[in-house]
């Protein structure tokens, strides 16, 4: 596994399911907590953050996640977070990433939408120059905040429309947050040219995935692991090559899956589903994208050719234009060839 980990560390990659705030490293979270000391329960000591990010269940995870969101108070905080997330991704040879960003959470806490979008766009352009990574945005609805959040998220998408915005999503808890209620918002986002990438089928069953496909026009599914319980859904996903954004460690840490050994990734792959490997909220889950590739390799008993195939799948499933897809795929192929 050491040799394979070395191979993974150098492998060019695309990351399709990673959250903006959830990617803040312990160093950055601690720095933000220190800036706002006394106004937040989040510890300003990186070592204490390890214990802080131990989740009882998905609801507890959301609670702690929002406490980190509360640390993002102004444009400077937004810029710092975005630039540092890009730095960490580029360190892992990520050439292209679609970050899930929740503007509603920041606007509701007092950062004007134009200022928020200006900060992430400036950081995106700076990251391309500094680290050679291309970032794009999925603006998602925080499902727990309901339809008002959907309306505001869509308004920000349509009125601000930052250059990096490519897709419209739905995150947060699935239990008690039915997908169909968001159909009008996804219809309008899709009519405006945004791709549909809702979360579904992580902590609920296959019906949530069906709802995302039928009601929200999903082109990719965030998580979607419960599809493994429904042979008809598996066949549908495989036939249409609708990608799943799978995040193995996240699923275990949020208790969506009991253990990594029980993760349904092998069943999804065996069924012919187009699977991508992603990190979700990496520092909060004590993982990295490199780690997730290593976990996937172990679950699939995969060597370098199969791991490279997972990297190619992420490129295929991305919303990169075709020339850029060909370029990144060629880079992956050349890297594999150079390793025999």
C-alpha atoms as a PDB file:
ATOM      1  CA  UNK A   1       0.000   0.000   0.000  1.00  0.00           C
ATOM      2  CA  UNK A   2       2.984   2.333   0.538  1.00  0.00           C
ATOM      3  CA  UNK A   3       3.872   2.219  -3.165  1.00  0.00           C
ATOM      4  CA  UNK A   4       0.225   2.715  -4.094  1.00  0.00           C
ATOM      5  CA  UNK A   5      -0.045   5.681  -1.742  1.00  0.00           C
ATOM      6  CA  UNK A   6       2.996   7.200  -3.430  1.00  0.00           C
ATOM      7  CA  UNK A   7       1.302   6.657  -6.789  1.00  0.00           C
ATOM      8  CA  UNK A   8      -1.911   8.276  -5.511  1.00  0.00           C
ATOM      9  CA  UNK A   9      -0.010  11.257  -4.105  1.00  0.00           C
ATOM     10  CA  UNK A  10       1.323  12.142  -7.548  1.00  0.00           C
ATOM     11  CA  UNK A  11      -1.790  11.262  -9.542  1.00  0.00           C
ATOM     12  CA  UNK A  12      -3.446  14.248 -11.295  1.00  0.00           C
ATOM     13  CA  UNK A  13      -7.019  14.506 -10.045  1.00  0.00           C
ATOM     14  CA  UNK A  14     -10.371  16.251 -10.236  1.00  0.00           C
ATOM     15  CA  UNK A  15     -12.441  16.736  -7.059  1.00  0.00           C
ATOM     16  CA  UNK A  16     -16.199  17.012  -7.550  1.00  0.00           C
ATOM     17  CA  UNK A  17     -17.711  16.808  -4.059  1.00  0.00           C
ATOM     18  CA  UNK A  18     -15.966  19.003  -1.535  1.00  0.00           C
ATOM     19  CA  UNK A  19     -17.555  21.683   0.617  1.00  0.00           C
ATOM     20  CA  UNK A  20     -16.154  25.183   0.857  1.00  0.00           C
ATOM     21  CA  UNK A  21     -16.360  25.674   4.640  1.00  0.00           C
ATOM     22  CA  UNK A  22     -15.964  21.945   5.277  1.00  0.00           C
ATOM     23  CA  UNK A  23     -12.533  22.057   3.615  1.00  0.00           C
ATOM     24  CA  UNK A  24     -11.069  24.541   6.086  1.00  0.00           C
ATOM     25  CA  UNK A  25      -7.912  23.002   7.540  1.00  0.00           C
ATOM     26  CA  UNK A  26      -7.429  22.904  11.333  1.00  0.00           C
ATOM     27  CA  UNK A  27      -4.839  25.671  10.906  1.00  0.00           C
ATOM     28  CA  UNK A  28      -7.325  27.945   9.125  1.00  0.00           C
ATOM     29  CA  UNK A  29     -10.238  27.090  11.456  1.00  0.00           C
ATOM     30  CA  UNK A  30      -7.989  27.829  14.432  1.00  0.00           C
ATOM     31  CA  UNK A  31      -6.900  31.131  12.864  1.00  0.00           C
ATOM     32  CA  UNK A  32     -10.512  32.140  12.248  1.00  0.00           C
ATOM     33  CA  UNK A  33     -11.505  31.049  15.764  1.00  0.00           C
ATOM     34  CA  UNK A  34      -8.678  33.156  17.212  1.00  0.00           C
ATOM     35  CA  UNK A  35      -9.871  36.175  15.186  1.00  0.00           C
ATOM     36  CA  UNK A  36     -13.321  35.810  16.718  1.00  0.00           C
ATOM     37  CA  UNK A  37     -12.292  34.492  20.150  1.00  0.00           C
ATOM     38  CA  UNK A  38     -15.007  34.694  22.756  1.00  0.00           C
ATOM     39  CA  UNK A  39     -17.779  34.700  20.167  1.00  0.00           C
ATOM     40  CA  UNK A  40     -17.598  31.049  19.141  1.00  0.00           C
ATOM     41  CA  UNK A  41     -17.445  27.595  20.782  1.00  0.00           C
ATOM     42  CA  UNK A  42     -14.889  26.472  18.177  1.00  0.00           C
ATOM     43  CA  UNK A  43     -11.470  25.990  19.815  1.00  0.00           C
ATOM     44  CA  UNK A  44      -8.567  28.103  18.548  1.00  0.00           C
ATOM     45  CA  UNK A  45      -6.114  25.233  19.135  1.00  0.00           C
ATOM     46  CA  UNK A  46      -5.652  22.905  16.110  1.00  0.00           C
ATOM     47  CA  UNK A  47      -5.070  19.938  18.423  1.00  0.00           C
ATOM     48  CA  UNK A  48      -8.340  20.536  20.277  1.00  0.00           C
ATOM     49  CA  UNK A  49     -10.171  20.669  16.946  1.00  0.00           C
ATOM     50  CA  UNK A  50      -9.492  16.960  16.458  1.00  0.00           C
ATOM     51  CA  UNK A  51     -11.688  16.178  19.471  1.00  0.00           C
ATOM     52  CA  UNK A  52     -14.194  18.898  18.547  1.00  0.00           C
ATOM     53  CA  UNK A  53     -14.834  17.223  15.186  1.00  0.00           C
ATOM     54  CA  UNK A  54     -16.055  13.915  16.635  1.00  0.00           C
ATOM     55  CA  UNK A  55     -19.661  13.482  15.570  1.00  0.00           C
ATOM     56  CA  UNK A  56     -22.377  11.495  17.297  1.00  0.00           C
ATOM     57  CA  UNK A  57     -24.506  11.391  14.152  1.00  0.00           C
ATOM     58  CA  UNK A  58     -25.357  13.430  11.043  1.00  0.00           C
ATOM     59  CA  UNK A  59     -27.417  15.974  12.994  1.00  0.00           C
ATOM     60  CA  UNK A  60     -24.483  16.607  15.334  1.00  0.00           C
ATOM     61  CA  UNK A  61     -22.205  16.997  12.321  1.00  0.00           C
ATOM     62  CA  UNK A  62     -24.507  19.700  10.901  1.00  0.00           C
ATOM     63  CA  UNK A  63     -24.469  21.484  14.277  1.00  0.00           C
ATOM     64  CA  UNK A  64     -20.666  21.556  14.407  1.00  0.00           C
ATOM     65  CA  UNK A  65     -20.405  22.430  10.706  1.00  0.00           C
ATOM     66  CA  UNK A  66     -22.585  25.499  11.261  1.00  0.00           C
ATOM     67  CA  UNK A  67     -20.399  26.561  14.176  1.00  0.00           C
ATOM     68  CA  UNK A  68     -17.507  26.781  11.708  1.00  0.00           C
ATOM     69  CA  UNK A  69     -19.720  28.672   9.246  1.00  0.00           C
ATOM     70  CA  UNK A  70     -20.229  31.215  12.056  1.00  0.00           C
ATOM     71  CA  UNK A  71     -16.490  31.948  11.953  1.00  0.00           C
ATOM     72  CA  UNK A  72     -16.764  33.377   8.430  1.00  0.00           C
ATOM     73  CA  UNK A  73     -17.679  36.981   9.283  1.00  0.00           C
ATOM     74  CA  UNK A  74     -16.407  39.175   6.430  1.00  0.00           C
ATOM     75  CA  UNK A  75     -14.908  39.299   2.936  1.00  0.00           C
ATOM     76  CA  UNK A  76     -11.391  38.773   4.250  1.00  0.00           C
ATOM     77  CA  UNK A  77     -12.455  35.554   5.994  1.00  0.00           C
ATOM     78  CA  UNK A  78     -14.125  34.319   2.793  1.00  0.00           C
ATOM     79  CA  UNK A  79     -11.043  35.071   0.688  1.00  0.00           C
ATOM     80  CA  UNK A  80      -8.662  33.411   3.157  1.00  0.00           C
ATOM     81  CA  UNK A  81     -10.779  30.284   3.390  1.00  0.00           C
ATOM     82  CA  UNK A  82     -11.143  29.942  -0.387  1.00  0.00           C
ATOM     83  CA  UNK A  83      -7.471  30.514  -1.165  1.00  0.00           C
ATOM     84  CA  UNK A  84      -6.336  28.065   1.524  1.00  0.00           C
ATOM     85  CA  UNK A  85      -8.759  25.377   0.343  1.00  0.00           C
ATOM     86  CA  UNK A  86      -7.260  25.727  -3.133  1.00  0.00           C
ATOM     87  CA  UNK A  87      -3.749  25.453  -1.693  1.00  0.00           C
ATOM     88  CA  UNK A  88      -4.576  22.163   0.049  1.00  0.00           C
ATOM     89  CA  UNK A  89      -6.260  20.680  -3.026  1.00  0.00           C
ATOM     90  CA  UNK A  90      -3.381  21.661  -5.298  1.00  0.00           C
ATOM     91  CA  UNK A  91      -0.936  20.045  -2.873  1.00  0.00           C
ATOM     92  CA  UNK A  92      -2.705  16.763  -3.650  1.00  0.00           C
ATOM     93  CA  UNK A  93      -2.294  17.275  -7.408  1.00  0.00           C
ATOM     94  CA  UNK A  94      -5.908  18.340  -7.878  1.00  0.00           C
ATOM     95  CA  UNK A  95      -5.999  20.196 -11.177  1.00  0.00           C
ATOM     96  CA  UNK A  96      -9.720  20.989 -11.154  1.00  0.00           C
ATOM     97  CA  UNK A  97     -12.285  21.176  -8.345  1.00  0.00           C
ATOM     98  CA  UNK A  98     -15.981  21.935  -8.129  1.00  0.00           C
ATOM     99  CA  UNK A  99     -16.514  23.370  -4.657  1.00  0.00           C
ATOM    100  CA  UNK A 100     -19.937  23.227  -3.069  1.00  0.00           C
ATOM    101  CA  UNK A 101     -20.531  26.723  -1.710  1.00  0.00           C
ATOM    102  CA  UNK A 102     -23.502  27.777   0.440  1.00  0.00           C
ATOM    103  CA  UNK A 103     -23.841  31.553  -0.046  1.00  0.00           C
ATOM    104  CA  UNK A 104     -27.127  31.675   1.881  1.00  0.00           C
ATOM    105  CA  UNK A 105     -25.360  30.743   5.126  1.00  0.00           C
ATOM    106  CA  UNK A 106     -22.960  33.663   4.797  1.00  0.00           C
ATOM    107  CA  UNK A 107     -25.473  36.210   3.511  1.00  0.00           C
ATOM    108  CA  UNK A 108     -27.782  35.321   6.413  1.00  0.00           C
ATOM    109  CA  UNK A 109     -24.870  36.092   8.764  1.00  0.00           C
ATOM    110  CA  UNK A 110     -24.382  39.578   7.351  1.00  0.00           C
ATOM    111  CA  UNK A 111     -21.999  39.296   4.376  1.00  0.00           C
ATOM    112  CA  UNK A 112     -23.665  40.959   1.355  1.00  0.00           C
ATOM    113  CA  UNK A 113     -24.040  38.614  -1.619  1.00  0.00           C
ATOM    114  CA  UNK A 114     -22.020  40.837  -4.001  1.00  0.00           C
ATOM    115  CA  UNK A 115     -19.154  41.019  -1.489  1.00  0.00           C
ATOM    116  CA  UNK A 116     -19.235  37.251  -0.929  1.00  0.00           C
ATOM    117  CA  UNK A 117     -19.141  36.505  -4.657  1.00  0.00           C
ATOM    118  CA  UNK A 118     -16.390  39.067  -5.211  1.00  0.00           C
ATOM    119  CA  UNK A 119     -14.246  37.399  -2.524  1.00  0.00           C
ATOM    120  CA  UNK A 120     -14.566  33.855  -3.846  1.00  0.00           C
ATOM    121  CA  UNK A 121     -13.991  35.002  -7.430  1.00  0.00           C
ATOM    122  CA  UNK A 122     -10.876  36.965  -6.525  1.00  0.00           C
ATOM    123  CA  UNK A 123      -9.547  33.981  -4.541  1.00  0.00           C
ATOM    124  CA  UNK A 124     -10.365  31.642  -7.446  1.00  0.00           C
ATOM    125  CA  UNK A 125      -8.342  33.715  -9.898  1.00  0.00           C
ATOM    126  CA  UNK A 126      -5.479  34.111  -7.433  1.00  0.00           C
ATOM    127  CA  UNK A 127      -5.448  30.348  -6.769  1.00  0.00           C
ATOM    128  CA  UNK A 128      -5.164  29.625 -10.496  1.00  0.00           C
ATOM    129  CA  UNK A 129      -2.104  31.890 -10.661  1.00  0.00           C
ATOM    130  CA  UNK A 130      -0.574  30.731  -7.361  1.00  0.00           C
ATOM    131  CA  UNK A 131      -1.273  26.989  -7.476  1.00  0.00           C
ATOM    132  CA  UNK A 132      -2.266  26.078 -11.033  1.00  0.00           C
ATOM    133  CA  UNK A 133      -5.702  24.836  -9.958  1.00  0.00           C
ATOM    134  CA  UNK A 134      -9.018  25.676 -11.597  1.00  0.00           C
ATOM    135  CA  UNK A 135     -11.957  26.129  -9.207  1.00  0.00           C
ATOM    136  CA  UNK A 136     -15.633  26.187 -10.108  1.00  0.00           C
ATOM    137  CA  UNK A 137     -18.671  26.720  -7.856  1.00  0.00           C
ATOM    138  CA  UNK A 138     -21.789  24.735  -7.082  1.00  0.00           C
ATOM    139  CA  UNK A 139     -24.085  27.075  -5.130  1.00  0.00           C
ATOM    140  CA  UNK A 140     -26.206  24.830  -2.956  1.00  0.00           C
ATOM    141  CA  UNK A 141     -29.360  25.215  -0.892  1.00  0.00           C
ATOM    142  CA  UNK A 142     -28.916  24.354   2.802  1.00  0.00           C
ATOM    143  CA  UNK A 143     -31.906  22.018   2.992  1.00  0.00           C
ATOM    144  CA  UNK A 144     -32.453  22.512   6.724  1.00  0.00           C
ATOM    145  CA  UNK A 145     -33.232  26.214   6.070  1.00  0.00           C
ATOM    146  CA  UNK A 146     -36.143  25.352   3.776  1.00  0.00           C
ATOM    147  CA  UNK A 147     -37.715  27.171   0.854  1.00  0.00           C
ATOM    148  CA  UNK A 148     -36.661  30.699   1.874  1.00  0.00           C
ATOM    149  CA  UNK A 149     -33.054  29.523   1.560  1.00  0.00           C
ATOM    150  CA  UNK A 150     -33.836  28.013  -1.841  1.00  0.00           C
ATOM    151  CA  UNK A 151     -35.315  31.292  -3.038  1.00  0.00           C
ATOM    152  CA  UNK A 152     -32.367  33.331  -1.808  1.00  0.00           C
ATOM    153  CA  UNK A 153     -29.787  30.887  -3.190  1.00  0.00           C
ATOM    154  CA  UNK A 154     -31.430  31.004  -6.596  1.00  0.00           C
ATOM    155  CA  UNK A 155     -31.609  34.810  -6.450  1.00  0.00           C
ATOM    156  CA  UNK A 156     -27.882  35.020  -5.727  1.00  0.00           C
ATOM    157  CA  UNK A 157     -27.157  32.601  -8.589  1.00  0.00           C
ATOM    158  CA  UNK A 158     -29.195  34.555 -11.097  1.00  0.00           C
ATOM    159  CA  UNK A 159     -28.390  38.107  -9.994  1.00  0.00           C
ATOM    160  CA  UNK A 160     -24.704  37.763  -9.071  1.00  0.00           C
ATOM    161  CA  UNK A 161     -23.771  34.919 -11.458  1.00  0.00           C
ATOM    162  CA  UNK A 162     -20.032  34.806 -10.661  1.00  0.00           C
ATOM    163  CA  UNK A 163     -17.872  33.572 -13.538  1.00  0.00           C
ATOM    164  CA  UNK A 164     -16.960  30.355 -11.735  1.00  0.00           C
ATOM    165  CA  UNK A 165     -20.577  29.302 -11.068  1.00  0.00           C
ATOM    166  CA  UNK A 166     -21.542  26.178 -13.022  1.00  0.00           C
ATOM    167  CA  UNK A 167     -24.087  24.235 -10.963  1.00  0.00           C
ATOM    168  CA  UNK A 168     -26.956  24.321  -8.478  1.00  0.00           C
ATOM    169  CA  UNK A 169     -27.118  21.910  -5.548  1.00  0.00           C
ATOM    170  CA  UNK A 170     -28.942  20.852  -2.399  1.00  0.00           C
ATOM    171  CA  UNK A 171     -27.099  19.904   0.772  1.00  0.00           C
ATOM    172  CA  UNK A 172     -27.713  19.525   4.486  1.00  0.00           C
ATOM    173  CA  UNK A 173     -29.800  16.798   6.110  1.00  0.00           C
ATOM    174  CA  UNK A 174     -31.966  14.542   3.959  1.00  0.00           C
ATOM    175  CA  UNK A 175     -34.257  13.239   6.706  1.00  0.00           C
ATOM    176  CA  UNK A 176     -37.286  15.521   6.908  1.00  0.00           C
ATOM    177  CA  UNK A 177     -36.168  17.481   3.828  1.00  0.00           C
ATOM    178  CA  UNK A 178     -37.982  15.956   0.818  1.00  0.00           C
ATOM    179  CA  UNK A 179     -36.341  16.628  -2.549  1.00  0.00           C
ATOM    180  CA  UNK A 180     -39.531  17.323  -4.580  1.00  0.00           C
ATOM    181  CA  UNK A 181     -40.310  20.603  -2.776  1.00  0.00           C
ATOM    182  CA  UNK A 182     -37.234  22.142  -4.414  1.00  0.00           C
ATOM    183  CA  UNK A 183     -38.293  21.315  -7.974  1.00  0.00           C
ATOM    184  CA  UNK A 184     -39.341  24.899  -8.964  1.00  0.00           C
ATOM    185  CA  UNK A 185     -35.941  26.244  -7.941  1.00  0.00           C
ATOM    186  CA  UNK A 186     -34.015  23.580  -9.809  1.00  0.00           C
ATOM    187  CA  UNK A 187     -36.231  24.113 -12.856  1.00  0.00           C
ATOM    188  CA  UNK A 188     -35.344  27.818 -12.898  1.00  0.00           C
ATOM    189  CA  UNK A 189     -31.644  27.180 -12.261  1.00  0.00           C
ATOM    190  CA  UNK A 190     -31.485  24.645 -15.085  1.00  0.00           C
ATOM    191  CA  UNK A 191     -33.344  27.019 -17.414  1.00  0.00           C
ATOM    192  CA  UNK A 192     -30.603  29.550 -16.649  1.00  0.00           C
ATOM    193  CA  UNK A 193     -27.949  27.057 -17.771  1.00  0.00           C
ATOM    194  CA  UNK A 194     -26.799  25.681 -14.412  1.00  0.00           C
ATOM    195  CA  UNK A 195     -26.174  21.972 -13.934  1.00  0.00           C
ATOM    196  CA  UNK A 196     -28.199  20.048 -11.320  1.00  0.00           C
ATOM    197  CA  UNK A 197     -26.150  18.276  -8.622  1.00  0.00           C
ATOM    198  CA  UNK A 198     -28.234  17.637  -5.469  1.00  0.00           C
ATOM    199  CA  UNK A 199     -27.207  15.467  -2.545  1.00  0.00           C
ATOM    200  CA  UNK A 200     -29.418  12.378  -2.208  1.00  0.00           C
ATOM    201  CA  UNK A 201     -29.346   8.848  -0.865  1.00  0.00           C
ATOM    202  CA  UNK A 202     -26.716   9.331   1.817  1.00  0.00           C
ATOM    203  CA  UNK A 203     -28.732   9.035   5.045  1.00  0.00           C
ATOM    204  CA  UNK A 204     -32.028   8.098   3.374  1.00  0.00           C
ATOM    205  CA  UNK A 205     -33.036   5.318   0.996  1.00  0.00           C
ATOM    206  CA  UNK A 206     -33.104   4.927  -2.781  1.00  0.00           C
ATOM    207  CA  UNK A 207     -36.369   6.875  -3.145  1.00  0.00           C
ATOM    208  CA  UNK A 208     -34.470  10.085  -2.379  1.00  0.00           C
ATOM    209  CA  UNK A 209     -32.183   9.371  -5.335  1.00  0.00           C
ATOM    210  CA  UNK A 210     -35.178   8.692  -7.580  1.00  0.00           C
ATOM    211  CA  UNK A 211     -36.706  11.992  -6.434  1.00  0.00           C
ATOM    212  CA  UNK A 212     -33.479  13.845  -7.227  1.00  0.00           C
ATOM    213  CA  UNK A 213     -33.437  12.339 -10.711  1.00  0.00           C
ATOM    214  CA  UNK A 214     -37.126  12.718 -11.539  1.00  0.00           C
ATOM    215  CA  UNK A 215     -37.972  15.965  -9.748  1.00  0.00           C
ATOM    216  CA  UNK A 216     -34.707  17.896  -9.749  1.00  0.00           C
ATOM    217  CA  UNK A 217     -33.247  16.721 -13.064  1.00  0.00           C
ATOM    218  CA  UNK A 218     -30.040  15.593 -11.348  1.00  0.00           C
ATOM    219  CA  UNK A 219     -27.083  15.155 -13.697  1.00  0.00           C
ATOM    220  CA  UNK A 220     -24.883  13.862 -10.880  1.00  0.00           C
ATOM    221  CA  UNK A 221     -25.818  12.695  -7.404  1.00  0.00           C
ATOM    222  CA  UNK A 222     -23.997  13.802  -4.279  1.00  0.00           C
ATOM    223  CA  UNK A 223     -23.333  10.560  -2.368  1.00  0.00           C
ATOM    224  CA  UNK A 224     -26.169   8.352  -3.687  1.00  0.00           C
ATOM    225  CA  UNK A 225     -24.824   5.292  -1.898  1.00  0.00           C
ATOM    226  CA  UNK A 226     -28.274   3.929  -0.972  1.00  0.00           C
ATOM    227  CA  UNK A 227     -28.721   3.183  -4.686  1.00  0.00           C
ATOM    228  CA  UNK A 228     -26.941  -0.076  -3.871  1.00  0.00           C
ATOM    229  CA  UNK A 229     -30.177  -1.219  -2.182  1.00  0.00           C
ATOM    230  CA  UNK A 230     -32.275  -0.912  -5.373  1.00  0.00           C
ATOM    231  CA  UNK A 231     -31.347  -3.077  -8.392  1.00  0.00           C
ATOM    232  CA  UNK A 232     -33.633  -1.084 -10.674  1.00  0.00           C
ATOM    233  CA  UNK A 233     -31.977   2.179  -9.639  1.00  0.00           C
ATOM    234  CA  UNK A 234     -28.518   0.684 -10.083  1.00  0.00           C
ATOM    235  CA  UNK A 235     -29.438  -0.408 -13.592  1.00  0.00           C
ATOM    236  CA  UNK A 236     -30.842   3.048 -14.377  1.00  0.00           C
ATOM    237  CA  UNK A 237     -27.716   4.834 -13.143  1.00  0.00           C
ATOM    238  CA  UNK A 238     -25.442   2.438 -15.026  1.00  0.00           C
ATOM    239  CA  UNK A 239     -27.411   2.624 -18.272  1.00  0.00           C
ATOM    240  CA  UNK A 240     -27.585   6.443 -18.236  1.00  0.00           C
ATOM    241  CA  UNK A 241     -24.054   6.783 -16.791  1.00  0.00           C
ATOM    242  CA  UNK A 242     -25.316   9.202 -14.162  1.00  0.00           C
ATOM    243  CA  UNK A 243     -22.328   9.695 -11.846  1.00  0.00           C
ATOM    244  CA  UNK A 244     -22.306   9.273  -8.089  1.00  0.00           C
ATOM    245  CA  UNK A 245     -19.994  11.436  -5.993  1.00  0.00           C
ATOM    246  CA  UNK A 246     -18.877   8.908  -3.384  1.00  0.00           C
ATOM    247  CA  UNK A 247     -17.109   9.994  -0.175  1.00  0.00           C
ATOM    248  CA  UNK A 248     -16.318   6.798   1.798  1.00  0.00           C
ATOM    249  CA  UNK A 249     -14.817   8.173   5.024  1.00  0.00           C
ATOM    250  CA  UNK A 250     -17.515  10.838   5.290  1.00  0.00           C
ATOM    251  CA  UNK A 251     -20.223   8.168   5.119  1.00  0.00           C
ATOM    252  CA  UNK A 252     -18.665   6.322   8.048  1.00  0.00           C
ATOM    253  CA  UNK A 253     -17.958   9.422  10.136  1.00  0.00           C
ATOM    254  CA  UNK A 254     -21.550  10.672   9.815  1.00  0.00           C
ATOM    255  CA  UNK A 255     -22.834   7.147  10.611  1.00  0.00           C
ATOM    256  CA  UNK A 256     -24.503   6.797   7.201  1.00  0.00           C
ATOM    257  CA  UNK A 257     -22.502   3.551   6.911  1.00  0.00           C
ATOM    258  CA  UNK A 258     -21.658   1.447   9.941  1.00  0.00           C
ATOM    259  CA  UNK A 259     -18.043   0.730   8.970  1.00  0.00           C
ATOM    260  CA  UNK A 260     -15.712   1.168   6.033  1.00  0.00           C
ATOM    261  CA  UNK A 261     -15.792  -2.595   5.456  1.00  0.00           C
ATOM    262  CA  UNK A 262     -19.554  -2.347   4.869  1.00  0.00           C
ATOM    263  CA  UNK A 263     -19.333   0.528   2.421  1.00  0.00           C
ATOM    264  CA  UNK A 264     -21.328  -0.186  -0.779  1.00  0.00           C
ATOM    265  CA  UNK A 265     -18.661   1.198  -3.150  1.00  0.00           C
ATOM    266  CA  UNK A 266     -17.756  -2.267  -4.521  1.00  0.00           C
ATOM    267  CA  UNK A 267     -21.421  -3.052  -5.264  1.00  0.00           C
ATOM    268  CA  UNK A 268     -21.836   0.264  -7.089  1.00  0.00           C
ATOM    269  CA  UNK A 269     -18.749  -0.383  -9.222  1.00  0.00           C
ATOM    270  CA  UNK A 270     -19.745  -3.987  -9.943  1.00  0.00           C
ATOM    271  CA  UNK A 271     -23.124  -2.741 -11.166  1.00  0.00           C
ATOM    272  CA  UNK A 272     -21.404  -0.534 -13.748  1.00  0.00           C
ATOM    273  CA  UNK A 273     -22.282   2.784 -12.098  1.00  0.00           C
ATOM    274  CA  UNK A 274     -19.970   5.701 -12.948  1.00  0.00           C
ATOM    275  CA  UNK A 275     -18.394   6.390  -9.551  1.00  0.00           C
ATOM    276  CA  UNK A 276     -16.136   9.276  -8.573  1.00  0.00           C
ATOM    277  CA  UNK A 277     -14.078   9.461  -5.381  1.00  0.00           C
ATOM    278  CA  UNK A 278     -14.282  12.612  -3.288  1.00  0.00           C
ATOM    279  CA  UNK A 279     -13.479  13.976   0.170  1.00  0.00           C
ATOM    280  CA  UNK A 280     -16.640  15.944   1.210  1.00  0.00           C
ATOM    281  CA  UNK A 281     -15.450  17.823   4.345  1.00  0.00           C
ATOM    282  CA  UNK A 282     -11.916  16.469   4.633  1.00  0.00           C
ATOM    283  CA  UNK A 283     -10.414  18.115   7.738  1.00  0.00           C
ATOM    284  CA  UNK A 284     -13.657  17.621   9.668  1.00  0.00           C
ATOM    285  CA  UNK A 285     -13.554  13.910   8.838  1.00  0.00           C
ATOM    286  CA  UNK A 286      -9.812  13.518   9.354  1.00  0.00           C
ATOM    287  CA  UNK A 287      -9.176  12.649   5.719  1.00  0.00           C
ATOM    288  CA  UNK A 288      -7.846  13.985   2.410  1.00  0.00           C
ATOM    289  CA  UNK A 289      -8.645  13.226  -1.203  1.00  0.00           C
ATOM    290  CA  UNK A 290      -5.460  11.146  -1.336  1.00  0.00           C
ATOM    291  CA  UNK A 291      -6.711   9.168   1.671  1.00  0.00           C
ATOM    292  CA  UNK A 292     -10.080   8.600  -0.020  1.00  0.00           C
ATOM    293  CA  UNK A 293      -8.394   7.173  -3.100  1.00  0.00           C
ATOM    294  CA  UNK A 294      -6.405   4.841  -0.836  1.00  0.00           C
ATOM    295  CA  UNK A 295      -9.599   3.748   0.956  1.00  0.00           C
ATOM    296  CA  UNK A 296     -11.323   3.157  -2.383  1.00  0.00           C
ATOM    297  CA  UNK A 297      -8.331   1.170  -3.656  1.00  0.00           C
ATOM    298  CA  UNK A 298      -8.501  -1.092  -0.611  1.00  0.00           C
ATOM    299  CA  UNK A 299     -12.259  -1.606  -0.913  1.00  0.00           C
ATOM    300  CA  UNK A 300     -11.942  -2.395  -4.623  1.00  0.00           C
ATOM    301  CA  UNK A 301      -8.646  -4.300  -4.294  1.00  0.00           C
ATOM    302  CA  UNK A 302      -7.343  -1.968  -6.946  1.00  0.00           C
ATOM    303  CA  UNK A 303      -3.846  -1.284  -8.234  1.00  0.00           C
ATOM    304  CA  UNK A 304      -2.529   1.758 -10.118  1.00  0.00           C
ATOM    305  CA  UNK A 305      -4.459   1.119 -13.382  1.00  0.00           C
ATOM    306  CA  UNK A 306      -7.780   0.885 -11.522  1.00  0.00           C
ATOM    307  CA  UNK A 307      -6.954   3.921  -9.367  1.00  0.00           C
ATOM    308  CA  UNK A 308      -6.095   5.901 -12.501  1.00  0.00           C
ATOM    309  CA  UNK A 309      -9.457   4.786 -13.934  1.00  0.00           C
ATOM    310  CA  UNK A 310     -11.178   6.349 -10.900  1.00  0.00           C
ATOM    311  CA  UNK A 311      -9.326   9.600 -11.581  1.00  0.00           C
ATOM    312  CA  UNK A 312     -10.441   9.465 -15.228  1.00  0.00           C
ATOM    313  CA  UNK A 313     -14.037   8.871 -14.105  1.00  0.00           C
ATOM    314  CA  UNK A 314     -13.959  12.124 -12.131  1.00  0.00           C
ATOM    315  CA  UNK A 315     -12.824  13.986 -15.242  1.00  0.00           C
ATOM    316  CA  UNK A 316     -15.576  12.344 -17.297  1.00  0.00           C
ATOM    317  CA  UNK A 317     -18.206  13.271 -14.697  1.00  0.00           C
ATOM    318  CA  UNK A 318     -16.974  16.845 -14.314  1.00  0.00           C
ATOM    319  CA  UNK A 319     -18.423  19.912 -16.009  1.00  0.00           C
ATOM    320  CA  UNK A 320     -15.119  20.768 -17.643  1.00  0.00           C
ATOM    321  CA  UNK A 321     -15.325  21.550 -21.356  1.00  0.00           C
ATOM    322  CA  UNK A 322     -14.254  18.774 -23.714  1.00  0.00           C
ATOM    323  CA  UNK A 323     -10.766  20.128 -24.594  1.00  0.00           C
ATOM    324  CA  UNK A 324      -9.969  20.508 -20.895  1.00  0.00           C
ATOM    325  CA  UNK A 325     -11.269  16.988 -20.206  1.00  0.00           C
ATOM    326  CA  UNK A 326      -9.042  15.575 -22.936  1.00  0.00           C
ATOM    327  CA  UNK A 327      -6.046  17.461 -21.581  1.00  0.00           C
ATOM    328  CA  UNK A 328      -6.494  16.267 -17.979  1.00  0.00           C
ATOM    329  CA  UNK A 329      -7.264  12.694 -19.077  1.00  0.00           C
ATOM    330  CA  UNK A 330      -4.079  12.687 -21.151  1.00  0.00           C
ATOM    331  CA  UNK A 331      -2.137  13.894 -18.118  1.00  0.00           C
ATOM    332  CA  UNK A 332      -3.539  11.012 -16.043  1.00  0.00           C
ATOM    333  CA  UNK A 333      -2.682   8.513 -18.796  1.00  0.00           C
ATOM    334  CA  UNK A 334       0.852   9.858 -19.118  1.00  0.00           C
ATOM    335  CA  UNK A 335       1.326   9.652 -15.357  1.00  0.00           C
ATOM    336  CA  UNK A 336       0.147   6.022 -15.314  1.00  0.00           C
ATOM    337  CA  UNK A 337       2.409   5.150 -18.260  1.00  0.00           C
ATOM    338  CA  UNK A 338       5.385   6.694 -16.494  1.00  0.00           C
ATOM    339  CA  UNK A 339       4.763   4.288 -13.600  1.00  0.00           C
ATOM    340  CA  UNK A 340       4.844   1.182 -15.763  1.00  0.00           C
END
